[in-house]
């Protein structure tokens, strides 16, 4: 269970860092710039802890899939970015893939 907590922290840290990257305006704004650096450091640290028990391919698929979705939500809320139908369907397929991996993959040790 702890490995999933680590992966969740890694994903959330990466989402915060990526969101702050946009707000940093090319690292010209100090607070968002600090959030970028700290966020990515935490993301990679917790991802490294995750990789002790979850295979790298699985962990990265989950990280990138959920990260894409969360970043898209943050971008819509904070920056007013809109997603078209194709983008939403693509993200639904990513979620479906993560669910299939978690429920049926023997790679995860289920």
PDB file of N, CA and C in Angstrom:
ATOM      1  N   UNK A   1       0.824  -1.205   0.000  1.00  0.00           N
ATOM      2  CA  UNK A   1       0.000   0.000   0.000  1.00  0.00           C
ATOM      3  C   UNK A   1       0.867   1.268   0.000  1.00  0.00           C
ATOM      4  N   UNK A   2       1.983   1.214   0.709  1.00  0.00           N
ATOM      5  CA  UNK A   2       2.857   2.369   0.804  1.00  0.00           C
ATOM      6  C   UNK A   2       3.385   2.782  -0.572  1.00  0.00           C
ATOM      7  N   UNK A   3       3.644   1.789  -1.441  1.00  0.00           N
ATOM      8  CA  UNK A   3       4.133   2.116  -2.777  1.00  0.00           C
ATOM      9  C   UNK A   3       3.126   2.953  -3.564  1.00  0.00           C
ATOM     10  N   UNK A   4       1.837   2.727  -3.362  1.00  0.00           N
ATOM     11  CA  UNK A   4       0.807   3.502  -4.052  1.00  0.00           C
ATOM     12  C   UNK A   4       0.717   4.913  -3.477  1.00  0.00           C
ATOM     13  N   UNK A   5       0.980   5.048  -2.198  1.00  0.00           N
ATOM     14  CA  UNK A   5       1.028   6.385  -1.588  1.00  0.00           C
ATOM     15  C   UNK A   5       2.197   7.167  -2.176  1.00  0.00           C
ATOM     16  N   UNK A   6       3.355   6.503  -2.285  1.00  0.00           N
ATOM     17  CA  UNK A   6       4.518   7.151  -2.889  1.00  0.00           C
ATOM     18  C   UNK A   6       4.229   7.577  -4.331  1.00  0.00           C
ATOM     19  N   UNK A   7       3.585   6.702  -5.081  1.00  0.00           N
ATOM     20  CA  UNK A   7       3.273   7.033  -6.469  1.00  0.00           C
ATOM     21  C   UNK A   7       2.284   8.199  -6.531  1.00  0.00           C
ATOM     22  N   UNK A   8       1.318   8.228  -5.642  1.00  0.00           N
ATOM     23  CA  UNK A   8       0.355   9.334  -5.601  1.00  0.00           C
ATOM     24  C   UNK A   8       1.047  10.656  -5.293  1.00  0.00           C
ATOM     25  N   UNK A   9       1.966  10.632  -4.338  1.00  0.00           N
ATOM     26  CA  UNK A   9       2.715  11.848  -3.997  1.00  0.00           C
ATOM     27  C   UNK A   9       3.562  12.289  -5.193  1.00  0.00           C
ATOM     28  N   UNK A  10       4.174  11.329  -5.876  1.00  0.00           N
ATOM     29  CA  UNK A  10       4.981  11.651  -7.059  1.00  0.00           C
ATOM     30  C   UNK A  10       4.126  12.312  -8.134  1.00  0.00           C
ATOM     31  N   UNK A  11       2.954  11.762  -8.370  1.00  0.00           N
ATOM     32  CA  UNK A  11       2.059  12.308  -9.397  1.00  0.00           C
ATOM     33  C   UNK A  11       1.602  13.715  -9.015  1.00  0.00           C
ATOM     34  N   UNK A  12       1.157  13.879  -7.784  1.00  0.00           N
ATOM     35  CA  UNK A  12       0.678  15.203  -7.354  1.00  0.00           C
ATOM     36  C   UNK A  12       1.800  16.239  -7.371  1.00  0.00           C
ATOM     37  N   UNK A  13       2.991  15.833  -6.971  1.00  0.00           N
ATOM     38  CA  UNK A  13       4.137  16.748  -6.999  1.00  0.00           C
ATOM     39  C   UNK A  13       4.454  17.177  -8.427  1.00  0.00           C
ATOM     40  N   UNK A  14       4.378  16.236  -9.346  1.00  0.00           N
ATOM     41  CA  UNK A  14       4.647  16.541 -10.753  1.00  0.00           C
ATOM     42  C   UNK A  14       3.576  17.465 -11.319  1.00  0.00           C
ATOM     43  N   UNK A  15       2.330  17.251 -10.942  1.00  0.00           N
ATOM     44  CA  UNK A  15       1.239  18.107 -11.422  1.00  0.00           C
ATOM     45  C   UNK A  15       1.410  19.532 -10.891  1.00  0.00           C
ATOM     46  N   UNK A  16       1.764  19.657  -9.617  1.00  0.00           N
ATOM     47  CA  UNK A  16       1.996  20.979  -9.037  1.00  0.00           C
ATOM     48  C   UNK A  16       3.167  21.663  -9.743  1.00  0.00           C
ATOM     49  N   UNK A  17       4.252  20.918  -9.945  1.00  0.00           N
ATOM     50  CA  UNK A  17       5.434  21.491 -10.597  1.00  0.00           C
ATOM     51  C   UNK A  17       5.126  21.926 -12.027  1.00  0.00           C
ATOM     52  N   UNK A  18       4.413  21.098 -12.773  1.00  0.00           N
ATOM     53  CA  UNK A  18       4.087  21.436 -14.155  1.00  0.00           C
ATOM     54  C   UNK A  18       3.154  22.641 -14.221  1.00  0.00           C
ATOM     55  N   UNK A  19       2.204  22.702 -13.310  1.00  0.00           N
ATOM     56  CA  UNK A  19       1.302  23.859 -13.259  1.00  0.00           C
ATOM     57  C   UNK A  19       2.075  25.128 -12.918  1.00  0.00           C
ATOM     58  N   UNK A  20       2.996  25.022 -11.977  1.00  0.00           N
ATOM     59  CA  UNK A  20       3.806  26.173 -11.591  1.00  0.00           C
ATOM     60  C   UNK A  20       4.759  26.577 -12.712  1.00  0.00           C
ATOM     61  N   UNK A  21       5.165  25.616 -13.535  1.00  0.00           N
ATOM     62  CA  UNK A  21       6.064  25.920 -14.653  1.00  0.00           C
ATOM     63  C   UNK A  21       5.413  26.936 -15.592  1.00  0.00           C
ATOM     64  N   UNK A  22       4.152  26.750 -15.849  1.00  0.00           N
ATOM     65  CA  UNK A  22       3.418  27.700 -16.687  1.00  0.00           C
ATOM     66  C   UNK A  22       3.357  29.069 -16.005  1.00  0.00           C
ATOM     67  N   UNK A  23       3.114  29.063 -14.697  1.00  0.00           N
ATOM     68  CA  UNK A  23       2.993  30.317 -13.948  1.00  0.00           C
ATOM     69  C   UNK A  23       4.343  31.001 -13.715  1.00  0.00           C
ATOM     70  N   UNK A  24       5.438  30.262 -13.856  1.00  0.00           N
ATOM     71  CA  UNK A  24       6.762  30.848 -13.595  1.00  0.00           C
ATOM     72  C   UNK A  24       7.194  31.833 -14.685  1.00  0.00           C
ATOM     73  N   UNK A  25       6.513  31.775 -15.824  1.00  0.00           N
ATOM     74  CA  UNK A  25       6.808  32.665 -16.956  1.00  0.00           C
ATOM     75  C   UNK A  25       8.301  32.656 -17.289  1.00  0.00           C
ATOM     76  N   UNK A  26       8.786  31.447 -17.578  1.00  0.00           N
ATOM     77  CA  UNK A  26      10.192  31.295 -17.964  1.00  0.00           C
ATOM     78  C   UNK A  26      11.150  31.511 -16.798  1.00  0.00           C
ATOM     79  N   UNK A  27      10.730  31.111 -15.622  1.00  0.00           N
ATOM     80  CA  UNK A  27      11.523  31.256 -14.388  1.00  0.00           C
ATOM     81  C   UNK A  27      11.821  32.716 -14.054  1.00  0.00           C
ATOM     82  N   UNK A  28      10.910  33.613 -14.428  1.00  0.00           N
ATOM     83  CA  UNK A  28      11.074  35.021 -14.082  1.00  0.00           C
ATOM     84  C   UNK A  28      10.305  35.395 -12.818  1.00  0.00           C
ATOM     85  N   UNK A  29       9.413  34.509 -12.360  1.00  0.00           N
ATOM     86  CA  UNK A  29       8.652  34.748 -11.130  1.00  0.00           C
ATOM     87  C   UNK A  29       9.160  33.778 -10.067  1.00  0.00           C
ATOM     88  N   UNK A  30       9.662  34.305  -8.941  1.00  0.00           N
ATOM     89  CA  UNK A  30      10.351  33.467  -7.949  1.00  0.00           C
ATOM     90  C   UNK A  30       9.498  32.370  -7.297  1.00  0.00           C
ATOM     91  N   UNK A  31       8.312  32.694  -6.830  1.00  0.00           N
ATOM     92  CA  UNK A  31       7.526  31.691  -6.089  1.00  0.00           C
ATOM     93  C   UNK A  31       7.141  30.508  -6.983  1.00  0.00           C
ATOM     94  N   UNK A  32       6.553  30.752  -8.159  1.00  0.00           N
ATOM     95  CA  UNK A  32       6.264  29.601  -9.009  1.00  0.00           C
ATOM     96  C   UNK A  32       7.528  28.841  -9.426  1.00  0.00           C
ATOM     97  N   UNK A  33       8.640  29.554  -9.613  1.00  0.00           N
ATOM     98  CA  UNK A  33       9.894  28.904  -9.993  1.00  0.00           C
ATOM     99  C   UNK A  33      10.383  27.958  -8.897  1.00  0.00           C
ATOM    100  N   UNK A  34      10.254  28.380  -7.657  1.00  0.00           N
ATOM    101  CA  UNK A  34      10.634  27.519  -6.524  1.00  0.00           C
ATOM    102  C   UNK A  34       9.721  26.300  -6.465  1.00  0.00           C
ATOM    103  N   UNK A  35       8.420  26.518  -6.699  1.00  0.00           N
ATOM    104  CA  UNK A  35       7.480  25.385  -6.723  1.00  0.00           C
ATOM    105  C   UNK A  35       7.851  24.373  -7.805  1.00  0.00           C
ATOM    106  N   UNK A  36       8.305  24.851  -8.940  1.00  0.00           N
ATOM    107  CA  UNK A  36       8.720  23.960 -10.029  1.00  0.00           C
ATOM    108  C   UNK A  36       9.860  23.064  -9.562  1.00  0.00           C
ATOM    109  N   UNK A  37      10.900  23.664  -9.032  1.00  0.00           N
ATOM    110  CA  UNK A  37      12.088  22.910  -8.629  1.00  0.00           C
ATOM    111  C   UNK A  37      11.759  21.935  -7.502  1.00  0.00           C
ATOM    112  N   UNK A  38      11.092  22.420  -6.463  1.00  0.00           N
ATOM    113  CA  UNK A  38      10.746  21.552  -5.325  1.00  0.00           C
ATOM    114  C   UNK A  38       9.781  20.451  -5.764  1.00  0.00           C
ATOM    115  N   UNK A  39       8.807  20.810  -6.581  1.00  0.00           N
ATOM    116  CA  UNK A  39       7.827  19.833  -7.049  1.00  0.00           C
ATOM    117  C   UNK A  39       8.453  18.702  -7.834  1.00  0.00           C
ATOM    118  N   UNK A  40       9.349  19.047  -8.759  1.00  0.00           N
ATOM    119  CA  UNK A  40      10.006  18.001  -9.551  1.00  0.00           C
ATOM    120  C   UNK A  40      10.974  17.173  -8.711  1.00  0.00           C
ATOM    121  N   UNK A  41      11.665  17.803  -7.767  1.00  0.00           N
ATOM    122  CA  UNK A  41      12.541  17.027  -6.869  1.00  0.00           C
ATOM    123  C   UNK A  41      11.727  16.010  -6.074  1.00  0.00           C
ATOM    124  N   UNK A  42      10.615  16.451  -5.510  1.00  0.00           N
ATOM    125  CA  UNK A  42       9.756  15.535  -4.757  1.00  0.00           C
ATOM    126  C   UNK A  42       9.178  14.452  -5.666  1.00  0.00           C
ATOM    127  N   UNK A  43       8.761  14.840  -6.856  1.00  0.00           N
ATOM    128  CA  UNK A  43       8.167  13.875  -7.785  1.00  0.00           C
ATOM    129  C   UNK A  43       9.147  12.755  -8.104  1.00  0.00           C
ATOM    130  N   UNK A  44      10.371  13.106  -8.441  1.00  0.00           N
ATOM    131  CA  UNK A  44      11.347  12.072  -8.799  1.00  0.00           C
ATOM    132  C   UNK A  44      11.807  11.274  -7.582  1.00  0.00           C
ATOM    133  N   UNK A  45      11.891  11.914  -6.434  1.00  0.00           N
ATOM    134  CA  UNK A  45      12.255  11.177  -5.222  1.00  0.00           C
ATOM    135  C   UNK A  45      11.190  10.118  -4.906  1.00  0.00           C
ATOM    136  N   UNK A  46       9.918  10.526  -4.899  1.00  0.00           N
ATOM    137  CA  UNK A  46       8.868   9.567  -4.572  1.00  0.00           C
ATOM    138  C   UNK A  46       8.664   8.533  -5.680  1.00  0.00           C
ATOM    139  N   UNK A  47       8.916   8.915  -6.926  1.00  0.00           N
ATOM    140  CA  UNK A  47       8.868   7.916  -7.988  1.00  0.00           C
ATOM    141  C   UNK A  47       9.966   6.879  -7.768  1.00  0.00           C
ATOM    142  N   UNK A  48      11.135   7.314  -7.347  1.00  0.00           N
ATOM    143  CA  UNK A  48      12.226   6.355  -7.099  1.00  0.00           C
ATOM    144  C   UNK A  48      11.864   5.387  -5.975  1.00  0.00           C
ATOM    145  N   UNK A  49      11.147   5.872  -4.969  1.00  0.00           N
ATOM    146  CA  UNK A  49      10.703   4.974  -3.890  1.00  0.00           C
ATOM    147  C   UNK A  49       9.663   3.977  -4.408  1.00  0.00           C
ATOM    148  N   UNK A  50       8.811   4.463  -5.299  1.00  0.00           N
ATOM    149  CA  UNK A  50       7.787   3.612  -5.898  1.00  0.00           C
ATOM    150  C   UNK A  50       8.416   2.454  -6.669  1.00  0.00           C
ATOM    151  N   UNK A  51       9.530   2.742  -7.352  1.00  0.00           N
ATOM    152  CA  UNK A  51      10.150   1.746  -8.224  1.00  0.00           C
ATOM    153  C   UNK A  51      10.801   0.603  -7.455  1.00  0.00           C
ATOM    154  N   UNK A  52      10.839   0.686  -6.149  1.00  0.00           N
ATOM    155  CA  UNK A  52      11.320  -0.443  -5.349  1.00  0.00           C
ATOM    156  C   UNK A  52      10.379  -1.637  -5.450  1.00  0.00           C
ATOM    157  N   UNK A  53       9.087  -1.363  -5.664  1.00  0.00           N
ATOM    158  CA  UNK A  53       8.100  -2.449  -5.649  1.00  0.00           C
ATOM    159  C   UNK A  53       7.213  -2.519  -6.885  1.00  0.00           C
ATOM    160  N   UNK A  54       7.126  -1.438  -7.645  1.00  0.00           N
ATOM    161  CA  UNK A  54       6.291  -1.429  -8.850  1.00  0.00           C
ATOM    162  C   UNK A  54       7.225  -1.352 -10.054  1.00  0.00           C
ATOM    163  N   UNK A  55       7.049  -2.207 -11.052  1.00  0.00           N
ATOM    164  CA  UNK A  55       7.904  -2.151 -12.244  1.00  0.00           C
ATOM    165  C   UNK A  55       7.860  -0.768 -12.901  1.00  0.00           C
ATOM    166  N   UNK A  56       8.986  -0.339 -13.432  1.00  0.00           N
ATOM    167  CA  UNK A  56       9.115   1.011 -13.978  1.00  0.00           C
ATOM    168  C   UNK A  56       8.103   1.287 -15.089  1.00  0.00           C
ATOM    169  N   UNK A  57       7.859   0.334 -15.952  1.00  0.00           N
ATOM    170  CA  UNK A  57       6.901   0.536 -17.037  1.00  0.00           C
ATOM    171  C   UNK A  57       5.495   0.775 -16.529  1.00  0.00           C
ATOM    172  N   UNK A  58       5.109   0.027 -15.521  1.00  0.00           N
ATOM    173  CA  UNK A  58       3.767   0.170 -14.932  1.00  0.00           C
ATOM    174  C   UNK A  58       3.663   1.497 -14.187  1.00  0.00           C
ATOM    175  N   UNK A  59       4.663   1.791 -13.358  1.00  0.00           N
ATOM    176  CA  UNK A  59       4.639   3.032 -12.581  1.00  0.00           C
ATOM    177  C   UNK A  59       4.602   4.248 -13.508  1.00  0.00           C
ATOM    178  N   UNK A  60       5.405   4.214 -14.556  1.00  0.00           N
ATOM    179  CA  UNK A  60       5.455   5.351 -15.462  1.00  0.00           C
ATOM    180  C   UNK A  60       4.156   5.494 -16.253  1.00  0.00           C
ATOM    181  N   UNK A  61       3.555   4.384 -16.625  1.00  0.00           N
ATOM    182  CA  UNK A  61       2.276   4.442 -17.348  1.00  0.00           C
ATOM    183  C   UNK A  61       1.203   5.088 -16.476  1.00  0.00           C
ATOM    184  N   UNK A  62       1.168   4.684 -15.214  1.00  0.00           N
ATOM    185  CA  UNK A  62       0.184   5.259 -14.297  1.00  0.00           C
ATOM    186  C   UNK A  62       0.491   6.729 -14.051  1.00  0.00           C
ATOM    187  N   UNK A  63       1.767   7.027 -13.790  1.00  0.00           N
ATOM    188  CA  UNK A  63       2.181   8.417 -13.535  1.00  0.00           C
ATOM    189  C   UNK A  63       1.812   9.308 -14.722  1.00  0.00           C
ATOM    190  N   UNK A  64       2.223   8.908 -15.907  1.00  0.00           N
ATOM    191  CA  UNK A  64       1.995   9.771 -17.060  1.00  0.00           C
ATOM    192  C   UNK A  64       0.512   9.869 -17.406  1.00  0.00           C
ATOM    193  N   UNK A  65      -0.209   8.750 -17.306  1.00  0.00           N
ATOM    194  CA  UNK A  65      -1.643   8.766 -17.619  1.00  0.00           C
ATOM    195  C   UNK A  65      -2.427   9.664 -16.683  1.00  0.00           C
ATOM    196  N   UNK A  66      -2.235   9.456 -15.393  1.00  0.00           N
ATOM    197  CA  UNK A  66      -2.970  10.280 -14.433  1.00  0.00           C
ATOM    198  C   UNK A  66      -2.463  11.716 -14.439  1.00  0.00           C
ATOM    199  N   UNK A  67      -1.164  11.883 -14.674  1.00  0.00           N
ATOM    200  CA  UNK A  67      -0.610  13.231 -14.753  1.00  0.00           C
ATOM    201  C   UNK A  67      -1.218  14.036 -15.887  1.00  0.00           C
ATOM    202  N   UNK A  68      -1.401  13.408 -17.041  1.00  0.00           N
ATOM    203  CA  UNK A  68      -2.013  14.084 -18.191  1.00  0.00           C
ATOM    204  C   UNK A  68      -3.418  14.558 -17.844  1.00  0.00           C
ATOM    205  N   UNK A  69      -4.165  13.692 -17.211  1.00  0.00           N
ATOM    206  CA  UNK A  69      -5.548  14.033 -16.872  1.00  0.00           C
ATOM    207  C   UNK A  69      -5.589  15.150 -15.833  1.00  0.00           C
ATOM    208  N   UNK A  70      -4.792  15.019 -14.782  1.00  0.00           N
ATOM    209  CA  UNK A  70      -4.797  16.042 -13.735  1.00  0.00           C
ATOM    210  C   UNK A  70      -4.303  17.390 -14.253  1.00  0.00           C
ATOM    211  N   UNK A  71      -3.263  17.372 -15.077  1.00  0.00           N
ATOM    212  CA  UNK A  71      -2.760  18.627 -15.653  1.00  0.00           C
ATOM    213  C   UNK A  71      -3.834  19.266 -16.529  1.00  0.00           C
ATOM    214  N   UNK A  72      -4.567  18.459 -17.268  1.00  0.00           N
ATOM    215  CA  UNK A  72      -5.632  18.998 -18.119  1.00  0.00           C
ATOM    216  C   UNK A  72      -6.724  19.656 -17.284  1.00  0.00           C
ATOM    217  N   UNK A  73      -7.062  19.047 -16.162  1.00  0.00           N
ATOM    218  CA  UNK A  73      -8.067  19.632 -15.261  1.00  0.00           C
ATOM    219  C   UNK A  73      -7.541  20.944 -14.674  1.00  0.00           C
ATOM    220  N   UNK A  74      -6.302  20.925 -14.198  1.00  0.00           N
ATOM    221  CA  UNK A  74      -5.702  22.140 -13.630  1.00  0.00           C
ATOM    222  C   UNK A  74      -5.639  23.241 -14.684  1.00  0.00           C
ATOM    223  N   UNK A  75      -5.239  22.898 -15.895  1.00  0.00           N
ATOM    224  CA  UNK A  75      -5.147  23.891 -16.971  1.00  0.00           C
ATOM    225  C   UNK A  75      -6.514  24.488 -17.280  1.00  0.00           C
ATOM    226  N   UNK A  76      -7.544  23.675 -17.234  1.00  0.00           N
ATOM    227  CA  UNK A  76      -8.898  24.181 -17.485  1.00  0.00           C
ATOM    228  C   UNK A  76      -9.343  25.116 -16.363  1.00  0.00           C
ATOM    229  N   UNK A  77      -9.074  24.722 -15.131  1.00  0.00           N
ATOM    230  CA  UNK A  77      -9.524  25.512 -13.977  1.00  0.00           C
ATOM    231  C   UNK A  77      -8.696  26.794 -13.819  1.00  0.00           C
ATOM    232  N   UNK A  78      -7.374  26.667 -13.840  1.00  0.00           N
ATOM    233  CA  UNK A  78      -6.508  27.821 -13.576  1.00  0.00           C
ATOM    234  C   UNK A  78      -6.282  28.727 -14.780  1.00  0.00           C
ATOM    235  N   UNK A  79      -6.213  28.117 -15.970  1.00  0.00           N
ATOM    236  CA  UNK A  79      -5.816  28.888 -17.149  1.00  0.00           C
ATOM    237  C   UNK A  79      -6.913  28.978 -18.213  1.00  0.00           C
ATOM    238  N   UNK A  80      -8.078  28.414 -17.927  1.00  0.00           N
ATOM    239  CA  UNK A  80      -9.195  28.510 -18.857  1.00  0.00           C
ATOM    240  C   UNK A  80      -9.016  27.739 -20.147  1.00  0.00           C
ATOM    241  N   UNK A  81      -8.096  26.777 -20.177  1.00  0.00           N
ATOM    242  CA  UNK A  81      -7.878  25.989 -21.388  1.00  0.00           C
ATOM    243  C   UNK A  81      -9.026  24.994 -21.570  1.00  0.00           C
ATOM    244  N   UNK A  82      -9.490  24.880 -22.793  1.00  0.00           N
ATOM    245  CA  UNK A  82     -10.622  24.001 -23.108  1.00  0.00           C
ATOM    246  C   UNK A  82     -10.138  22.738 -23.806  1.00  0.00           C
ATOM    247  N   UNK A  83     -10.842  21.650 -23.552  1.00  0.00           N
ATOM    248  CA  UNK A  83     -10.548  20.382 -24.221  1.00  0.00           C
ATOM    249  C   UNK A  83     -11.686  20.057 -25.177  1.00  0.00           C
ATOM    250  N   UNK A  84     -11.330  19.605 -26.373  1.00  0.00           N
ATOM    251  CA  UNK A  84     -12.370  19.191 -27.304  1.00  0.00           C
ATOM    252  C   UNK A  84     -12.738  17.729 -27.048  1.00  0.00           C
ATOM    253  N   UNK A  85     -13.706  17.254 -27.799  1.00  0.00           N
ATOM    254  CA  UNK A  85     -14.212  15.894 -27.600  1.00  0.00           C
ATOM    255  C   UNK A  85     -13.122  14.846 -27.792  1.00  0.00           C
ATOM    256  N   UNK A  86     -12.294  15.026 -28.807  1.00  0.00           N
ATOM    257  CA  UNK A  86     -11.231  14.045 -29.075  1.00  0.00           C
ATOM    258  C   UNK A  86     -10.249  13.981 -27.904  1.00  0.00           C
ATOM    259  N   UNK A  87      -9.916  15.130 -27.328  1.00  0.00           N
ATOM    260  CA  UNK A  87      -8.995  15.148 -26.181  1.00  0.00           C
ATOM    261  C   UNK A  87      -9.617  14.430 -24.989  1.00  0.00           C
ATOM    262  N   UNK A  88     -10.891  14.674 -24.745  1.00  0.00           N
ATOM    263  CA  UNK A  88     -11.561  14.006 -23.616  1.00  0.00           C
ATOM    264  C   UNK A  88     -11.658  12.499 -23.838  1.00  0.00           C
ATOM    265  N   UNK A  89     -11.912  12.091 -25.067  1.00  0.00           N
ATOM    266  CA  UNK A  89     -11.979  10.654 -25.368  1.00  0.00           C
ATOM    267  C   UNK A  89     -10.604  10.009 -25.192  1.00  0.00           C
ATOM    268  N   UNK A  90      -9.577  10.691 -25.633  1.00  0.00           N
ATOM    269  CA  UNK A  90      -8.221  10.180 -25.457  1.00  0.00           C
ATOM    270  C   UNK A  90      -7.889   9.989 -23.990  1.00  0.00           C
ATOM    271  N   UNK A  91      -8.267  10.940 -23.169  1.00  0.00           N
ATOM    272  CA  UNK A  91      -8.015  10.810 -21.735  1.00  0.00           C
ATOM    273  C   UNK A  91      -8.853   9.694 -21.119  1.00  0.00           C
ATOM    274  N   UNK A  92     -10.064   9.507 -21.613  1.00  0.00           N
ATOM    275  CA  UNK A  92     -10.887   8.397 -21.130  1.00  0.00           C
ATOM    276  C   UNK A  92     -10.217   7.060 -21.447  1.00  0.00           C
ATOM    277  N   UNK A  93      -9.596   6.978 -22.606  1.00  0.00           N
ATOM    278  CA  UNK A  93      -8.871   5.755 -22.967  1.00  0.00           C
ATOM    279  C   UNK A  93      -7.653   5.541 -22.065  1.00  0.00           C
ATOM    280  N   UNK A  94      -6.994   6.626 -21.686  1.00  0.00           N
ATOM    281  CA  UNK A  94      -5.866   6.516 -20.761  1.00  0.00           C
ATOM    282  C   UNK A  94      -6.353   5.978 -19.413  1.00  0.00           C
ATOM    283  N   UNK A  95      -7.439   6.533 -18.910  1.00  0.00           N
ATOM    284  CA  UNK A  95      -8.005   6.055 -17.639  1.00  0.00           C
ATOM    285  C   UNK A  95      -8.385   4.590 -17.759  1.00  0.00           C
ATOM    286  N   UNK A  96      -9.002   4.219 -18.862  1.00  0.00           N
ATOM    287  CA  UNK A  96      -9.378   2.818 -19.071  1.00  0.00           C
ATOM    288  C   UNK A  96      -8.150   1.925 -19.045  1.00  0.00           C
ATOM    289  N   UNK A  97      -7.072   2.367 -19.669  1.00  0.00           N
ATOM    290  CA  UNK A  97      -5.835   1.594 -19.676  1.00  0.00           C
ATOM    291  C   UNK A  97      -5.265   1.417 -18.284  1.00  0.00           C
ATOM    292  N   UNK A  98      -5.269   2.476 -17.489  1.00  0.00           N
ATOM    293  CA  UNK A  98      -4.773   2.392 -16.110  1.00  0.00           C
ATOM    294  C   UNK A  98      -5.632   1.436 -15.300  1.00  0.00           C
ATOM    295  N   UNK A  99      -6.940   1.496 -15.486  1.00  0.00           N
ATOM    296  CA  UNK A  99      -7.851   0.592 -14.759  1.00  0.00           C
ATOM    297  C   UNK A  99      -7.596  -0.854 -15.161  1.00  0.00           C
ATOM    298  N   UNK A 100      -7.472  -1.118 -16.456  1.00  0.00           N
ATOM    299  CA  UNK A 100      -7.203  -2.480 -16.928  1.00  0.00           C
ATOM    300  C   UNK A 100      -5.895  -2.994 -16.343  1.00  0.00           C
ATOM    301  N   UNK A 101      -4.865  -2.161 -16.348  1.00  0.00           N
ATOM    302  CA  UNK A 101      -3.578  -2.582 -15.776  1.00  0.00           C
ATOM    303  C   UNK A 101      -3.721  -2.934 -14.305  1.00  0.00           C
ATOM    304  N   UNK A 102      -4.422  -2.100 -13.562  1.00  0.00           N
ATOM    305  CA  UNK A 102      -4.554  -2.329 -12.131  1.00  0.00           C
ATOM    306  C   UNK A 102      -5.425  -3.534 -11.797  1.00  0.00           C
ATOM    307  N   UNK A 103      -6.436  -3.790 -12.591  1.00  0.00           N
ATOM    308  CA  UNK A 103      -7.344  -4.895 -12.291  1.00  0.00           C
ATOM    309  C   UNK A 103      -6.873  -6.238 -12.833  1.00  0.00           C
ATOM    310  N   UNK A 104      -6.198  -6.241 -13.981  1.00  0.00           N
ATOM    311  CA  UNK A 104      -5.940  -7.502 -14.658  1.00  0.00           C
ATOM    312  C   UNK A 104      -4.478  -7.853 -14.913  1.00  0.00           C
ATOM    313  N   UNK A 105      -3.572  -6.911 -14.750  1.00  0.00           N
ATOM    314  CA  UNK A 105      -2.184  -7.179 -15.085  1.00  0.00           C
ATOM    315  C   UNK A 105      -1.502  -8.026 -14.023  1.00  0.00           C
ATOM    316  N   UNK A 106      -0.849  -9.099 -14.455  1.00  0.00           N
ATOM    317  CA  UNK A 106      -0.056  -9.910 -13.553  1.00  0.00           C
ATOM    318  C   UNK A 106       1.267  -9.221 -13.207  1.00  0.00           C
ATOM    319  N   UNK A 107       1.633  -8.223 -14.007  1.00  0.00           N
ATOM    320  CA  UNK A 107       2.864  -7.463 -13.765  1.00  0.00           C
ATOM    321  C   UNK A 107       2.829  -6.764 -12.415  1.00  0.00           C
ATOM    322  N   UNK A 108       1.633  -6.371 -11.963  1.00  0.00           N
ATOM    323  CA  UNK A 108       1.486  -5.677 -10.693  1.00  0.00           C
ATOM    324  C   UNK A 108       1.501  -6.625  -9.508  1.00  0.00           C
ATOM    325  N   UNK A 109       1.522  -7.902  -9.765  1.00  0.00           N
ATOM    326  CA  UNK A 109       1.558  -8.857  -8.670  1.00  0.00           C
ATOM    327  C   UNK A 109       0.188  -9.167  -8.086  1.00  0.00           C
ATOM    328  N   UNK A 110      -0.878  -8.911  -8.835  1.00  0.00           N
ATOM    329  CA  UNK A 110      -2.237  -9.221  -8.362  1.00  0.00           C
ATOM    330  C   UNK A 110      -2.497 -10.712  -8.442  1.00  0.00           C
TER     331      UNK A 110
END
